[in-house]
Structures are given as C-alpha cells and as structure tokens.
C-alpha cells in the first residue's frame, strides 16, 4: 500500500471508523470480489489493533489477511454458508466456465 493509504487507514482507525479503514484496504488492493465473511474478518482484525496502530501494525494485518484470503481461510465452506453470505448483499456468480 502507499504511504498515504497506510496513513488513511491509521487515521480512520484513530477516528473509530473501521468501515472506512477496511474499504481503504480493499480499494487499494482492488479486492472487489471478496466474500463478506472475508471482509468481516479484515474489519475484525483492524478493530483488534485498537485506535492507535502504527502503519507497521496495519501492514502486518494486511499481510496476514491477504495470506488468509489467498489460502481460502475465511471463505464459505458449504453451500449453506455461501447462501448466508449472498443474503448479506453478495450475488452468486453464474459465469463459471464461460471464459473471460
């Protein structure tokens, strides 16, 4: 992340705005196809940092979260979990196998 994005996350957390902090990270990494469960996990990790994190603290959370997303750690495991996630505003993909 850029230094200004890191500081935007730190400033948002200092103001108690974990939603803005989360969205700043998602936007910076162009993460627009994540499960809500994954986004909730990122927000929870940021909340655990408290109101006075350093940019290094934020970077460590981002590294851990990105690793977990890539490994599928917080992805729904069953169809029922997927449907719960979709009910929160996501839409199931129907274009699998169509070659993009």
Protein backbone atom coordinates (compact mmCIF):
# COMPACT_ATOMS: atom_id res chain seq x y z
CA UNK A 1 0.00 0.00 0.00
CA UNK A 2 1.11 3.55 -0.48
CA UNK A 3 2.23 5.60 2.47
CA UNK A 4 -0.80 7.88 2.08
CA UNK A 5 -3.15 4.87 2.04
CA UNK A 6 -1.45 3.49 5.17
CA UNK A 7 -1.98 6.81 6.89
CA UNK A 8 -5.61 6.96 5.74
CA UNK A 9 -6.17 3.59 7.43
CA UNK A 10 -4.36 4.71 10.60
CA UNK A 11 -6.38 7.95 10.66
CA UNK A 12 -9.67 6.11 10.12
CA UNK A 13 -8.88 3.72 12.97
CA UNK A 14 -7.93 6.63 15.24
CA UNK A 15 -11.36 8.11 14.48
CA UNK A 16 -13.04 4.79 15.24
CA UNK A 17 -14.13 4.35 11.61
CA UNK A 18 -13.27 0.73 10.91
CA UNK A 19 -15.53 0.63 7.85
CA UNK A 20 -13.50 3.34 6.09
CA UNK A 21 -10.27 1.63 7.14
CA UNK A 22 -11.50 -1.68 5.72
CA UNK A 23 -12.73 -0.13 2.47
CA UNK A 24 -9.45 1.76 2.01
CA UNK A 25 -7.55 -1.51 2.13
CA UNK A 26 -9.99 -3.30 -0.17
CA UNK A 27 -9.86 -0.42 -2.66
CA UNK A 28 -6.07 -0.14 -2.53
CA UNK A 29 -5.65 -3.84 -3.31
CA UNK A 30 -8.54 -3.79 -5.80
CA UNK A 31 -10.27 -6.52 -3.82
CA UNK A 32 -13.75 -6.26 -5.29
CA UNK A 33 -14.63 -9.94 -5.45
CA UNK A 34 -14.34 -10.98 -1.83
CA UNK A 35 -16.79 -12.80 0.36
CA UNK A 36 -18.48 -10.74 3.06
CA UNK A 37 -17.01 -13.18 5.57
CA UNK A 38 -13.53 -12.24 4.37
CA UNK A 39 -14.27 -8.52 4.64
CA UNK A 40 -15.71 -9.02 8.14
CA UNK A 41 -12.52 -10.80 9.14
CA UNK A 42 -10.40 -7.89 7.91
CA UNK A 43 -12.55 -5.42 9.83
CA UNK A 44 -12.31 -7.57 12.98
CA UNK A 45 -8.52 -7.70 12.64
CA UNK A 46 -8.41 -3.91 12.32
CA UNK A 47 -10.67 -3.48 15.36
CA UNK A 48 -8.25 -5.64 17.37
CA UNK A 49 -5.48 -3.14 16.59
CA UNK A 50 -7.29 -0.52 18.65
CA UNK A 51 -7.35 3.22 17.99
CA UNK A 52 -3.58 3.85 17.87
CA UNK A 53 -1.96 1.45 15.41
CA UNK A 54 1.21 2.24 13.54
CA UNK A 55 1.50 1.83 9.77
CA UNK A 56 3.60 -1.27 10.52
CA UNK A 57 0.75 -2.72 12.60
CA UNK A 58 -1.65 -2.11 9.71
CA UNK A 59 0.81 -3.66 7.25
CA UNK A 60 1.10 -6.78 9.38
CA UNK A 61 -2.70 -7.16 9.46
CA UNK A 62 -2.88 -6.68 5.70
CA UNK A 63 -0.19 -9.31 5.12
CA UNK A 64 -1.95 -11.80 7.38
CA UNK A 65 -5.35 -11.11 5.85
CA UNK A 66 -4.14 -11.32 2.24
CA UNK A 67 -2.44 -14.63 3.04
CA UNK A 68 -5.67 -15.95 4.53
CA UNK A 69 -7.73 -14.77 1.55
CA UNK A 70 -5.33 -16.46 -0.87
CA UNK A 71 -5.50 -19.66 1.18
CA UNK A 72 -9.30 -19.55 1.40
CA UNK A 73 -9.18 -19.41 5.19
CA UNK A 74 -12.30 -17.27 5.63
CA UNK A 75 -14.18 -18.36 2.52
CA UNK A 76 -17.54 -20.10 2.99
CA UNK A 77 -17.02 -23.85 3.03
CA UNK A 78 -20.55 -25.08 2.37
CA UNK A 79 -23.40 -24.07 0.10
CA UNK A 80 -25.38 -23.00 3.20
CA UNK A 81 -22.55 -20.65 4.27
CA UNK A 82 -22.41 -19.23 0.73
CA UNK A 83 -26.14 -18.56 0.77
CA UNK A 84 -25.85 -16.76 4.11
CA UNK A 85 -23.06 -14.62 2.65
CA UNK A 86 -25.07 -13.88 -0.52
CA UNK A 87 -28.10 -12.93 1.58
CA UNK A 88 -25.98 -10.13 3.06
CA UNK A 89 -25.73 -8.44 -0.32
CA UNK A 90 -23.46 -10.53 -2.48
CA UNK A 91 -24.57 -12.19 -5.67
CA UNK A 92 -23.63 -15.69 -6.72
CA UNK A 93 -21.57 -15.93 -9.88
CA UNK A 94 -23.21 -17.69 -12.77
CA UNK A 95 -20.49 -17.22 -15.35
CA UNK A 96 -18.13 -20.03 -14.38
CA UNK A 97 -16.59 -21.79 -17.35
CA UNK A 98 -17.55 -19.13 -19.89
CA UNK A 99 -14.01 -17.92 -20.41
CA UNK A 100 -13.46 -14.33 -19.50
